Amino acid sequence: MFHARVAEALAGFPREGATLVVTHGAVIRVTLSLLLGSALDGLAPPPSGSLTLIETGSGPRLRAYGATSDTLEVPRL
């Protein structure tokens, strides 16, 4: 049920441009699983207050996961 709610929310996002989503780690992990086909059991939860950046242009691409002010190196898009 939770995966289905996340998938439904993702389907409503625009396909172009940028979208900011502020959410908790479980939604981030499920989103990565749905978009990138990654297994949740091998994915540690992101730290609280961290940044995860997914580029969706020609296909989903993980650009940053769990980045914090100590580790933040956001690539230029």
C-alpha atoms as a PDB file:
ATOM      1  CA  MET A   1       0.000   0.000   0.000  1.00  0.00           C
ATOM      2  CA  PHE A   2       2.790   2.447   0.928  1.00  0.00           C
ATOM      3  CA  HIS A   3       4.673   1.725  -2.323  1.00  0.00           C
ATOM      4  CA  ALA A   4       1.473   2.323  -4.293  1.00  0.00           C
ATOM      5  CA  ARG A   5       0.897   5.712  -2.631  1.00  0.00           C
ATOM      6  CA  VAL A   6       4.464   6.794  -3.426  1.00  0.00           C
ATOM      7  CA  ALA A   7       4.109   5.582  -7.028  1.00  0.00           C
ATOM      8  CA  GLU A   8       0.843   7.517  -7.388  1.00  0.00           C
ATOM      9  CA  ALA A   9       2.479  10.696  -6.082  1.00  0.00           C
ATOM     10  CA  LEU A  10       5.431  10.271  -8.468  1.00  0.00           C
ATOM     11  CA  ALA A  11       3.080   9.881 -11.418  1.00  0.00           C
ATOM     12  CA  GLY A  12       1.691  13.347 -10.672  1.00  0.00           C
ATOM     13  CA  PHE A  13       5.057  15.126 -10.889  1.00  0.00           C
ATOM     14  CA  PRO A  14       5.849  17.132 -14.026  1.00  0.00           C
ATOM     15  CA  ARG A  15       8.163  15.377 -16.483  1.00  0.00           C
ATOM     16  CA  GLU A  16      10.232  18.507 -17.136  1.00  0.00           C
ATOM     17  CA  GLY A  17      11.667  21.166 -14.883  1.00  0.00           C
ATOM     18  CA  ALA A  18      12.585  20.848 -11.232  1.00  0.00           C
ATOM     19  CA  THR A  19      10.422  19.583  -8.396  1.00  0.00           C
ATOM     20  CA  LEU A  20      11.303  19.978  -4.731  1.00  0.00           C
ATOM     21  CA  VAL A  21       9.942  17.343  -2.380  1.00  0.00           C
ATOM     22  CA  VAL A  22      10.450  17.534   1.369  1.00  0.00           C
ATOM     23  CA  THR A  23       9.781  14.134   2.911  1.00  0.00           C
ATOM     24  CA  HIS A  24      11.092  11.428   5.194  1.00  0.00           C
ATOM     25  CA  GLY A  25      13.608   8.690   4.476  1.00  0.00           C
ATOM     26  CA  ALA A  26      11.113   5.904   3.787  1.00  0.00           C
ATOM     27  CA  VAL A  27       9.581   7.849   0.889  1.00  0.00           C
ATOM     28  CA  ILE A  28      13.049   8.623  -0.475  1.00  0.00           C
ATOM     29  CA  ARG A  29      14.050   4.956  -0.334  1.00  0.00           C
ATOM     30  CA  VAL A  30      10.818   3.790  -2.016  1.00  0.00           C
ATOM     31  CA  THR A  31      11.195   6.498  -4.678  1.00  0.00           C
ATOM     32  CA  LEU A  32      14.711   5.282  -5.475  1.00  0.00           C
ATOM     33  CA  SER A  33      13.463   1.720  -5.608  1.00  0.00           C
ATOM     34  CA  LEU A  34      10.679   2.636  -8.036  1.00  0.00           C
ATOM     35  CA  LEU A  35      12.710   4.963 -10.283  1.00  0.00           C
ATOM     36  CA  LEU A  36      16.065   3.205 -10.296  1.00  0.00           C
ATOM     37  CA  GLY A  37      15.047  -0.398  -9.640  1.00  0.00           C
ATOM     38  CA  SER A  38      17.277  -0.609  -6.564  1.00  0.00           C
ATOM     39  CA  ALA A  39      16.565  -3.026  -3.720  1.00  0.00           C
ATOM     40  CA  LEU A  40      15.488  -1.393  -0.466  1.00  0.00           C
ATOM     41  CA  ASP A  41      17.261  -3.915   1.753  1.00  0.00           C
ATOM     42  CA  GLY A  42      20.681  -2.771   0.554  1.00  0.00           C
ATOM     43  CA  LEU A  43      19.927   0.928   0.868  1.00  0.00           C
ATOM     44  CA  ALA A  44      20.648   2.601   4.209  1.00  0.00           C
ATOM     45  CA  PRO A  45      18.210   5.339   5.249  1.00  0.00           C
ATOM     46  CA  PRO A  46      19.402   8.860   4.426  1.00  0.00           C
ATOM     47  CA  PRO A  47      20.381  11.065   7.381  1.00  0.00           C
ATOM     48  CA  SER A  48      17.725  13.440   8.723  1.00  0.00           C
ATOM     49  CA  GLY A  49      17.803  16.826   7.039  1.00  0.00           C
ATOM     50  CA  SER A  50      19.875  15.544   4.124  1.00  0.00           C
ATOM     51  CA  LEU A  51      19.533  16.103   0.389  1.00  0.00           C
ATOM     52  CA  THR A  52      18.824  13.475  -2.232  1.00  0.00           C
ATOM     53  CA  LEU A  53      18.935  14.638  -5.843  1.00  0.00           C
ATOM     54  CA  ILE A  54      17.460  12.594  -8.677  1.00  0.00           C
ATOM     55  CA  GLU A  55      17.869  13.834 -12.238  1.00  0.00           C
ATOM     56  CA  THR A  56      14.988  12.679 -14.431  1.00  0.00           C
ATOM     57  CA  GLY A  57      15.878  14.117 -17.860  1.00  0.00           C
ATOM     58  CA  SER A  58      16.511  11.228 -20.264  1.00  0.00           C
ATOM     59  CA  GLY A  59      16.035   8.690 -17.484  1.00  0.00           C
ATOM     60  CA  PRO A  60      16.353   8.689 -13.710  1.00  0.00           C
ATOM     61  CA  ARG A  61      19.882   9.217 -12.420  1.00  0.00           C
ATOM     62  CA  LEU A  62      20.905   9.495  -8.774  1.00  0.00           C
ATOM     63  CA  ARG A  63      23.105  12.580  -8.376  1.00  0.00           C
ATOM     64  CA  ALA A  64      23.273  12.813  -4.555  1.00  0.00           C
ATOM     65  CA  TYR A  65      22.004  10.597  -1.724  1.00  0.00           C
ATOM     66  CA  GLY A  66      21.905  11.599   1.915  1.00  0.00           C
ATOM     67  CA  ALA A  67      24.143  14.625   1.360  1.00  0.00           C
ATOM     68  CA  THR A  68      24.581  16.833   4.417  1.00  0.00           C
ATOM     69  CA  SER A  69      26.308  20.157   5.009  1.00  0.00           C
ATOM     70  CA  ASP A  70      29.461  18.151   5.812  1.00  0.00           C
ATOM     71  CA  THR A  71      29.372  16.123   2.609  1.00  0.00           C
ATOM     72  CA  LEU A  72      27.369  18.282   0.208  1.00  0.00           C
ATOM     73  CA  GLU A  73      28.847  18.425  -3.257  1.00  0.00           C
ATOM     74  CA  VAL A  74      25.866  18.918  -5.530  1.00  0.00           C
ATOM     75  CA  PRO A  75      26.861  18.573  -9.171  1.00  0.00           C
ATOM     76  CA  ARG A  76      25.926  21.279 -11.650  1.00  0.00           C
ATOM     77  CA  LEU A  77      23.059  20.216 -13.864  1.00  0.00           C
END
